[in-house]
């Protein structure tokens, strides 16, 4: 990982907070003129800078996911969950954060705002087909398997 210009290098790099954590918490890292952070009113969303750029090995991605505690306690989520950072992307890492809660929520400089999961990628091959094989489910879509 590399730092971008005009970021606070004292803000910690993404880190796993427990030994069994799958996701590394990533922090807000606002430029010098925005160090006071940002307040999200209910329904509002914002692109939160992390001050990072990453180089992901080919065959992997980083998935960006919400932090469950922020989601439960404050309604803070990521509208494109999971977000994907592709292995060939080299630009700044920003996190789209949305307040789906009932109260305004302030994101401070250095706050843990999301989690990053490194995952392998399998690319499929897409082909035209005349028909598909039969299954027990068939074309049953949303809700077709019931609730119990």
N, C-alpha and C. Protein backbone atom coordinates (compact mmCIF):
# COMPACT_ATOMS: atom_id res chain seq x y z
N UNK A 1 0.85 -1.18 0.00
CA UNK A 1 0.00 0.00 0.00
C UNK A 1 0.89 1.23 0.00
N UNK A 2 0.40 2.24 -0.65
CA UNK A 2 1.12 3.50 -0.67
C UNK A 2 0.22 4.61 -0.17
N UNK A 3 0.84 5.65 0.33
CA UNK A 3 0.11 6.82 0.79
C UNK A 3 -0.04 7.81 -0.34
N UNK A 4 -1.12 8.53 -0.36
CA UNK A 4 -1.30 9.62 -1.30
C UNK A 4 -0.70 10.88 -0.71
N UNK A 5 -0.45 11.85 -1.56
CA UNK A 5 0.03 13.14 -1.06
C UNK A 5 -1.07 13.79 -0.22
N UNK A 6 -0.68 14.64 0.69
CA UNK A 6 -1.61 15.42 1.51
C UNK A 6 -2.51 14.55 2.40
N UNK A 7 -1.98 13.45 2.90
CA UNK A 7 -2.74 12.63 3.85
C UNK A 7 -1.95 12.53 5.15
N UNK A 8 -2.65 12.16 6.18
CA UNK A 8 -2.06 12.03 7.50
C UNK A 8 -1.46 10.63 7.63
N UNK A 9 -0.14 10.54 7.61
CA UNK A 9 0.51 9.23 7.69
C UNK A 9 0.49 8.66 9.10
N UNK A 10 -0.07 9.39 10.06
CA UNK A 10 -0.25 8.85 11.41
C UNK A 10 -1.53 8.02 11.53
N UNK A 11 -2.42 8.12 10.53
CA UNK A 11 -3.62 7.28 10.52
C UNK A 11 -3.16 5.86 10.19
N UNK A 12 -3.60 4.90 10.99
CA UNK A 12 -3.15 3.51 10.84
C UNK A 12 -3.55 2.91 9.50
N UNK A 13 -2.71 2.02 9.01
CA UNK A 13 -3.05 1.22 7.84
C UNK A 13 -4.20 0.28 8.21
N UNK A 14 -4.88 -0.31 7.21
CA UNK A 14 -5.91 -1.30 7.53
C UNK A 14 -5.34 -2.38 8.46
N UNK A 15 -6.19 -2.80 9.41
CA UNK A 15 -5.71 -3.77 10.38
C UNK A 15 -6.82 -4.73 10.79
N UNK A 16 -6.40 -5.97 11.09
CA UNK A 16 -7.31 -6.98 11.61
C UNK A 16 -7.38 -6.78 13.12
N UNK A 17 -8.58 -6.58 13.63
CA UNK A 17 -8.73 -6.24 15.04
C UNK A 17 -8.76 -7.45 15.96
N UNK A 18 -8.98 -8.64 15.41
CA UNK A 18 -8.91 -9.87 16.21
C UNK A 18 -8.17 -10.93 15.39
N UNK A 19 -7.71 -11.97 16.06
CA UNK A 19 -6.94 -13.03 15.39
C UNK A 19 -7.76 -13.75 14.32
N UNK A 20 -9.06 -13.86 14.49
CA UNK A 20 -9.89 -14.58 13.54
C UNK A 20 -10.62 -13.70 12.54
N UNK A 21 -10.31 -12.41 12.50
CA UNK A 21 -11.01 -11.48 11.62
C UNK A 21 -10.71 -11.77 10.15
N UNK A 22 -11.75 -11.79 9.33
CA UNK A 22 -11.59 -11.94 7.88
C UNK A 22 -11.38 -10.59 7.21
N UNK A 23 -11.93 -9.54 7.82
CA UNK A 23 -11.84 -8.20 7.25
C UNK A 23 -10.90 -7.32 8.05
N UNK A 24 -10.12 -6.52 7.33
CA UNK A 24 -9.23 -5.54 7.96
C UNK A 24 -9.94 -4.18 7.96
N UNK A 25 -10.05 -3.57 9.12
CA UNK A 25 -10.71 -2.28 9.22
C UNK A 25 -9.89 -1.20 8.54
N UNK A 26 -10.56 -0.39 7.74
CA UNK A 26 -9.92 0.73 7.05
C UNK A 26 -10.48 2.03 7.62
N UNK A 27 -9.63 3.04 7.68
CA UNK A 27 -9.96 4.28 8.36
C UNK A 27 -10.11 5.46 7.40
N UNK A 28 -10.94 6.42 7.82
CA UNK A 28 -11.07 7.68 7.08
C UNK A 28 -9.77 8.45 7.23
N UNK A 29 -9.31 9.02 6.13
CA UNK A 29 -8.09 9.83 6.16
C UNK A 29 -8.33 11.04 5.27
N UNK A 30 -8.87 12.08 5.90
CA UNK A 30 -9.24 13.28 5.17
C UNK A 30 -8.03 14.15 4.86
N UNK A 31 -8.05 14.89 3.74
CA UNK A 31 -6.97 15.83 3.46
C UNK A 31 -6.91 16.91 4.54
N UNK A 32 -5.81 17.62 4.60
CA UNK A 32 -5.56 18.61 5.66
C UNK A 32 -6.70 19.61 5.83
N UNK A 33 -7.31 20.03 4.74
CA UNK A 33 -8.37 21.05 4.84
C UNK A 33 -9.73 20.47 5.22
N UNK A 34 -9.81 19.15 5.45
CA UNK A 34 -11.07 18.50 5.84
C UNK A 34 -10.91 17.63 7.09
N UNK A 35 -9.90 17.87 7.88
CA UNK A 35 -9.62 17.00 9.03
C UNK A 35 -10.73 16.97 10.07
N UNK A 36 -11.67 17.91 10.01
CA UNK A 36 -12.79 17.90 10.94
C UNK A 36 -13.76 16.77 10.63
N UNK A 37 -13.60 16.12 9.47
CA UNK A 37 -14.47 15.02 9.10
C UNK A 37 -15.72 15.49 8.38
N UNK A 38 -16.72 14.62 8.37
CA UNK A 38 -17.97 14.92 7.67
C UNK A 38 -19.14 14.35 8.46
N UNK A 39 -20.25 15.07 8.43
CA UNK A 39 -21.48 14.60 9.07
C UNK A 39 -22.47 14.18 8.00
N UNK A 40 -22.95 12.95 8.12
CA UNK A 40 -23.94 12.43 7.20
C UNK A 40 -25.31 12.50 7.83
N UNK A 41 -26.19 13.26 7.23
CA UNK A 41 -27.58 13.31 7.67
C UNK A 41 -28.26 12.02 7.20
N UNK A 42 -29.41 11.63 7.80
CA UNK A 42 -30.10 10.43 7.36
C UNK A 42 -30.36 10.47 5.85
N UNK A 43 -30.08 9.36 5.18
CA UNK A 43 -30.28 9.25 3.74
C UNK A 43 -29.13 9.77 2.90
N UNK A 44 -28.18 10.44 3.52
CA UNK A 44 -27.06 11.02 2.79
C UNK A 44 -25.96 10.00 2.57
N UNK A 45 -25.18 10.19 1.51
CA UNK A 45 -24.01 9.36 1.25
C UNK A 45 -22.85 10.27 0.86
N UNK A 46 -21.63 9.75 1.07
CA UNK A 46 -20.44 10.53 0.75
C UNK A 46 -19.29 9.58 0.42
N UNK A 47 -18.37 10.07 -0.39
CA UNK A 47 -17.16 9.33 -0.69
C UNK A 47 -16.11 9.74 0.34
N UNK A 48 -15.71 8.77 1.16
CA UNK A 48 -14.77 9.04 2.25
C UNK A 48 -13.38 8.59 1.82
N UNK A 49 -12.41 9.49 1.84
CA UNK A 49 -11.06 9.11 1.44
C UNK A 49 -10.36 8.29 2.52
N UNK A 50 -9.47 7.38 2.07
CA UNK A 50 -8.69 6.58 3.01
C UNK A 50 -7.21 6.97 2.98
N UNK A 51 -6.82 7.75 1.98
CA UNK A 51 -5.43 8.13 1.84
C UNK A 51 -4.56 7.03 1.28
N UNK A 52 -5.17 5.95 0.79
CA UNK A 52 -4.42 4.78 0.33
C UNK A 52 -4.59 4.55 -1.16
N UNK A 53 -3.58 3.90 -1.71
CA UNK A 53 -3.64 3.26 -3.02
C UNK A 53 -3.10 1.86 -2.80
N UNK A 54 -3.63 0.88 -3.52
CA UNK A 54 -3.22 -0.50 -3.29
C UNK A 54 -2.75 -1.16 -4.57
N UNK A 55 -1.89 -2.16 -4.42
CA UNK A 55 -1.50 -3.01 -5.54
C UNK A 55 -1.86 -4.43 -5.15
N UNK A 56 -2.90 -4.94 -5.80
CA UNK A 56 -3.45 -6.25 -5.49
C UNK A 56 -2.89 -7.26 -6.50
N UNK A 57 -2.40 -8.40 -6.05
CA UNK A 57 -1.88 -9.40 -7.00
C UNK A 57 -2.96 -9.85 -7.98
N UNK A 58 -2.55 -10.13 -9.22
CA UNK A 58 -3.48 -10.65 -10.21
C UNK A 58 -4.09 -11.94 -9.67
N UNK A 59 -5.39 -12.12 -9.90
CA UNK A 59 -6.09 -13.30 -9.41
C UNK A 59 -6.76 -13.05 -8.06
N UNK A 60 -6.67 -11.81 -7.55
CA UNK A 60 -7.31 -11.44 -6.28
C UNK A 60 -8.06 -10.14 -6.45
N UNK A 61 -8.94 -9.88 -5.51
CA UNK A 61 -9.65 -8.61 -5.41
C UNK A 61 -9.67 -8.22 -3.94
N UNK A 62 -10.01 -6.99 -3.66
CA UNK A 62 -10.35 -6.59 -2.30
C UNK A 62 -11.83 -6.25 -2.31
N UNK A 63 -12.57 -6.91 -1.43
CA UNK A 63 -13.99 -6.60 -1.25
C UNK A 63 -14.12 -5.59 -0.12
N UNK A 64 -14.93 -4.57 -0.34
CA UNK A 64 -15.17 -3.53 0.66
C UNK A 64 -16.55 -3.79 1.25
N UNK A 65 -16.60 -3.97 2.57
CA UNK A 65 -17.85 -4.32 3.24
C UNK A 65 -18.11 -3.40 4.42
N UNK A 66 -19.39 -3.28 4.82
CA UNK A 66 -19.71 -2.46 5.99
C UNK A 66 -19.17 -3.08 7.27
N UNK A 67 -19.02 -2.27 8.29
CA UNK A 67 -18.70 -2.78 9.62
C UNK A 67 -20.03 -3.04 10.31
N UNK A 68 -20.22 -4.23 10.84
CA UNK A 68 -21.53 -4.63 11.38
C UNK A 68 -21.97 -3.77 12.56
N UNK A 69 -21.04 -3.36 13.41
CA UNK A 69 -21.42 -2.53 14.56
C UNK A 69 -21.96 -1.18 14.12
N UNK A 70 -21.35 -0.56 13.11
CA UNK A 70 -21.85 0.72 12.60
C UNK A 70 -23.22 0.54 11.96
N UNK A 71 -23.41 -0.58 11.27
CA UNK A 71 -24.70 -0.85 10.62
C UNK A 71 -25.81 -1.03 11.66
N UNK A 72 -25.55 -1.83 12.69
CA UNK A 72 -26.55 -2.11 13.71
C UNK A 72 -26.86 -0.88 14.57
N UNK A 73 -25.83 -0.25 15.06
CA UNK A 73 -26.02 0.85 16.03
C UNK A 73 -26.39 2.18 15.40
N UNK A 74 -25.94 2.43 14.15
CA UNK A 74 -26.14 3.75 13.56
C UNK A 74 -26.75 3.74 12.16
N UNK A 75 -26.94 2.57 11.56
CA UNK A 75 -27.48 2.51 10.21
C UNK A 75 -26.48 2.90 9.14
N UNK A 76 -25.18 2.84 9.47
CA UNK A 76 -24.15 3.21 8.51
C UNK A 76 -23.80 2.00 7.66
N UNK A 77 -23.94 2.16 6.34
CA UNK A 77 -23.72 1.05 5.43
C UNK A 77 -23.00 1.54 4.19
N UNK A 78 -22.73 0.62 3.30
CA UNK A 78 -22.09 0.93 2.02
C UNK A 78 -23.10 0.57 0.93
N UNK A 79 -23.53 1.52 0.11
CA UNK A 79 -24.61 1.24 -0.84
C UNK A 79 -24.25 0.27 -1.95
N UNK A 80 -22.99 0.03 -2.21
CA UNK A 80 -22.60 -0.90 -3.27
C UNK A 80 -21.91 -2.14 -2.68
N UNK A 81 -22.48 -2.64 -1.61
CA UNK A 81 -21.87 -3.75 -0.88
C UNK A 81 -22.07 -5.08 -1.58
N UNK A 82 -21.05 -5.94 -1.71
CA UNK A 82 -19.67 -5.56 -1.45
C UNK A 82 -19.10 -4.79 -2.62
N UNK A 83 -18.35 -3.77 -2.33
CA UNK A 83 -17.62 -3.06 -3.38
C UNK A 83 -16.42 -3.89 -3.77
N UNK A 84 -15.98 -3.76 -4.99
CA UNK A 84 -14.83 -4.52 -5.48
C UNK A 84 -13.72 -3.57 -5.91
N UNK A 85 -12.51 -3.87 -5.45
CA UNK A 85 -11.33 -3.18 -5.94
C UNK A 85 -10.58 -4.22 -6.78
N UNK A 86 -10.49 -3.96 -8.07
CA UNK A 86 -9.87 -4.89 -9.01
C UNK A 86 -8.35 -4.83 -8.92
N UNK A 87 -7.71 -5.92 -9.33
CA UNK A 87 -6.26 -6.02 -9.23
C UNK A 87 -5.52 -5.03 -10.12
N UNK A 88 -6.17 -4.52 -11.16
CA UNK A 88 -5.49 -3.58 -12.05
C UNK A 88 -5.78 -2.12 -11.72
N UNK A 89 -6.50 -1.84 -10.64
CA UNK A 89 -6.80 -0.46 -10.24
C UNK A 89 -5.65 0.09 -9.39
N UNK A 90 -5.20 1.29 -9.71
CA UNK A 90 -4.09 1.90 -8.98
C UNK A 90 -4.43 3.28 -8.43
N UNK A 91 -5.69 3.69 -8.50
CA UNK A 91 -6.07 5.02 -8.05
C UNK A 91 -6.32 5.07 -6.55
N UNK A 92 -6.74 6.23 -6.07
CA UNK A 92 -7.01 6.40 -4.64
C UNK A 92 -8.19 5.54 -4.20
N UNK A 93 -8.09 5.02 -2.98
CA UNK A 93 -9.14 4.18 -2.41
C UNK A 93 -10.09 5.06 -1.61
N UNK A 94 -11.32 5.18 -2.10
CA UNK A 94 -12.37 5.90 -1.39
C UNK A 94 -13.50 4.94 -1.07
N UNK A 95 -14.20 5.19 0.01
CA UNK A 95 -15.29 4.31 0.45
C UNK A 95 -16.59 5.10 0.38
N UNK A 96 -17.59 4.58 -0.36
CA UNK A 96 -18.90 5.22 -0.42
C UNK A 96 -19.67 4.79 0.82
N UNK A 97 -19.95 5.74 1.69
CA UNK A 97 -20.63 5.48 2.96
C UNK A 97 -22.00 6.14 2.93
N UNK A 98 -23.01 5.42 3.43
CA UNK A 98 -24.38 5.94 3.45
C UNK A 98 -24.97 5.83 4.86
N UNK A 99 -25.71 6.84 5.24
CA UNK A 99 -26.41 6.82 6.52
C UNK A 99 -27.86 6.40 6.27
N UNK A 100 -28.16 5.14 6.57
CA UNK A 100 -29.52 4.61 6.47
C UNK A 100 -30.22 4.68 7.82
N UNK A 101 -29.61 5.34 8.78
CA UNK A 101 -30.17 5.45 10.13
C UNK A 101 -31.14 6.61 10.27
N UNK A 102 -31.54 6.85 11.50
CA UNK A 102 -32.52 7.90 11.82
C UNK A 102 -31.88 9.20 12.30
N UNK A 103 -30.60 9.13 12.68
CA UNK A 103 -29.90 10.29 13.25
C UNK A 103 -28.70 10.63 12.38
N UNK A 104 -28.27 11.89 12.47
CA UNK A 104 -27.04 12.30 11.80
C UNK A 104 -25.87 11.51 12.39
N UNK A 105 -24.87 11.24 11.57
CA UNK A 105 -23.70 10.48 12.01
C UNK A 105 -22.45 11.19 11.53
N UNK A 106 -21.52 11.41 12.46
CA UNK A 106 -20.28 12.11 12.12
C UNK A 106 -19.15 11.11 11.94
N UNK A 107 -18.42 11.25 10.83
CA UNK A 107 -17.24 10.44 10.58
C UNK A 107 -16.03 11.31 10.86
N UNK A 108 -15.29 10.94 11.88
CA UNK A 108 -14.09 11.67 12.26
C UNK A 108 -12.89 11.23 11.44
N UNK A 109 -11.92 12.08 11.35
CA UNK A 109 -10.63 11.74 10.76
C UNK A 109 -10.04 10.59 11.58
N UNK A 110 -9.68 9.49 10.91
CA UNK A 110 -9.12 8.33 11.60
C UNK A 110 -10.13 7.29 12.03
N UNK A 111 -11.43 7.55 11.87
CA UNK A 111 -12.46 6.58 12.25
C UNK A 111 -12.43 5.35 11.36
N UNK A 112 -12.66 4.18 11.95
CA UNK A 112 -12.79 2.95 11.17
C UNK A 112 -14.16 2.97 10.49
N UNK A 113 -14.17 2.92 9.16
CA UNK A 113 -15.41 3.13 8.42
C UNK A 113 -15.90 1.93 7.64
N UNK A 114 -15.04 0.98 7.36
CA UNK A 114 -15.42 -0.19 6.56
C UNK A 114 -14.39 -1.28 6.81
N UNK A 115 -14.59 -2.43 6.19
CA UNK A 115 -13.60 -3.49 6.29
C UNK A 115 -13.25 -4.00 4.89
N UNK A 116 -12.00 -4.41 4.75
CA UNK A 116 -11.48 -4.90 3.48
C UNK A 116 -11.22 -6.40 3.59
N UNK A 117 -11.74 -7.16 2.64
CA UNK A 117 -11.52 -8.60 2.60
C UNK A 117 -10.79 -8.93 1.30
N UNK A 118 -9.62 -9.55 1.42
CA UNK A 118 -8.87 -9.98 0.25
C UNK A 118 -9.40 -11.35 -0.15
N UNK A 119 -9.77 -11.49 -1.44
CA UNK A 119 -10.40 -12.74 -1.89
C UNK A 119 -9.89 -13.13 -3.27
N UNK A 120 -9.81 -14.46 -3.52
CA UNK A 120 -9.43 -14.92 -4.85
C UNK A 120 -10.55 -14.65 -5.85
N UNK A 121 -10.18 -14.50 -7.10
CA UNK A 121 -11.13 -14.24 -8.18
C UNK A 121 -11.07 -15.38 -9.20
N UNK A 122 -12.22 -15.85 -9.61
CA UNK A 122 -12.31 -16.80 -10.69
C UNK A 122 -13.09 -16.11 -11.80
N UNK A 123 -12.50 -15.98 -12.97
CA UNK A 123 -13.20 -15.38 -14.09
C UNK A 123 -13.87 -16.46 -14.92
N UNK A 124 -15.16 -16.28 -15.17
CA UNK A 124 -15.92 -17.24 -15.96
C UNK A 124 -15.78 -16.96 -17.44
N UNK A 125 -16.24 -17.90 -18.23
CA UNK A 125 -16.33 -17.72 -19.67
C UNK A 125 -17.81 -17.74 -20.03
N UNK A 126 -18.24 -16.73 -20.76
CA UNK A 126 -19.65 -16.59 -21.10
C UNK A 126 -19.87 -17.01 -22.54
N UNK A 127 -20.90 -17.85 -22.75
CA UNK A 127 -21.21 -18.36 -24.08
C UNK A 127 -22.72 -18.32 -24.28
N UNK A 128 -23.13 -18.19 -25.54
CA UNK A 128 -24.54 -18.28 -25.89
C UNK A 128 -24.94 -19.76 -25.86
N UNK A 129 -26.17 -20.04 -25.40
CA UNK A 129 -26.67 -21.42 -25.37
C UNK A 129 -28.11 -21.44 -25.87
N UNK A 130 -28.50 -22.51 -26.49
CA UNK A 130 -29.87 -22.68 -26.98
C UNK A 130 -30.83 -22.99 -25.83
N UNK A 131 -30.35 -23.74 -24.83
CA UNK A 131 -31.20 -24.10 -23.69
C UNK A 131 -30.31 -24.38 -22.49
N UNK A 132 -30.94 -24.54 -21.35
CA UNK A 132 -30.25 -24.81 -20.09
C UNK A 132 -30.73 -26.13 -19.52
N UNK A 133 -29.92 -26.75 -18.67
CA UNK A 133 -30.33 -28.00 -18.05
C UNK A 133 -31.46 -27.74 -17.05
N UNK A 134 -32.24 -28.77 -16.78
CA UNK A 134 -33.36 -28.68 -15.84
C UNK A 134 -32.86 -28.81 -14.40
N UNK A 135 -33.51 -28.11 -13.48
CA UNK A 135 -33.26 -28.26 -12.04
C UNK A 135 -34.59 -28.30 -11.31
N UNK A 136 -34.58 -28.71 -10.04
CA UNK A 136 -35.80 -28.74 -9.25
C UNK A 136 -36.38 -27.34 -9.07
N UNK A 137 -35.55 -26.35 -8.96
CA UNK A 137 -36.01 -24.97 -8.77
C UNK A 137 -36.51 -24.37 -10.08
N UNK A 138 -35.85 -24.70 -11.15
CA UNK A 138 -36.27 -24.14 -12.45
C UNK A 138 -36.06 -22.64 -12.49
N UNK A 139 -37.08 -21.91 -12.93
CA UNK A 139 -36.96 -20.46 -13.07
C UNK A 139 -37.54 -19.71 -11.87
N UNK A 140 -37.84 -20.44 -10.78
CA UNK A 140 -38.39 -19.79 -9.58
C UNK A 140 -37.45 -18.73 -9.06
N UNK A 141 -37.91 -17.52 -8.93
CA UNK A 141 -37.06 -16.39 -8.54
C UNK A 141 -37.30 -15.94 -7.12
N UNK A 142 -37.35 -14.65 -6.93
CA UNK A 142 -37.46 -14.03 -5.62
C UNK A 142 -38.59 -14.62 -4.79
N UNK A 143 -38.26 -15.19 -3.64
CA UNK A 143 -39.27 -15.72 -2.73
C UNK A 143 -39.84 -17.06 -3.11
N UNK A 144 -39.35 -17.67 -4.18
CA UNK A 144 -39.95 -18.91 -4.67
C UNK A 144 -39.73 -20.09 -3.74
N UNK A 145 -38.77 -20.01 -2.83
CA UNK A 145 -38.55 -21.14 -1.93
C UNK A 145 -39.26 -20.95 -0.59
N UNK A 146 -40.04 -19.89 -0.44
CA UNK A 146 -40.81 -19.66 0.78
C UNK A 146 -39.99 -19.01 1.89
N UNK A 147 -40.61 -18.93 3.08
CA UNK A 147 -39.95 -18.30 4.22
C UNK A 147 -39.67 -19.28 5.36
N UNK A 148 -40.21 -20.50 5.29
CA UNK A 148 -40.00 -21.48 6.36
C UNK A 148 -39.49 -22.78 5.81
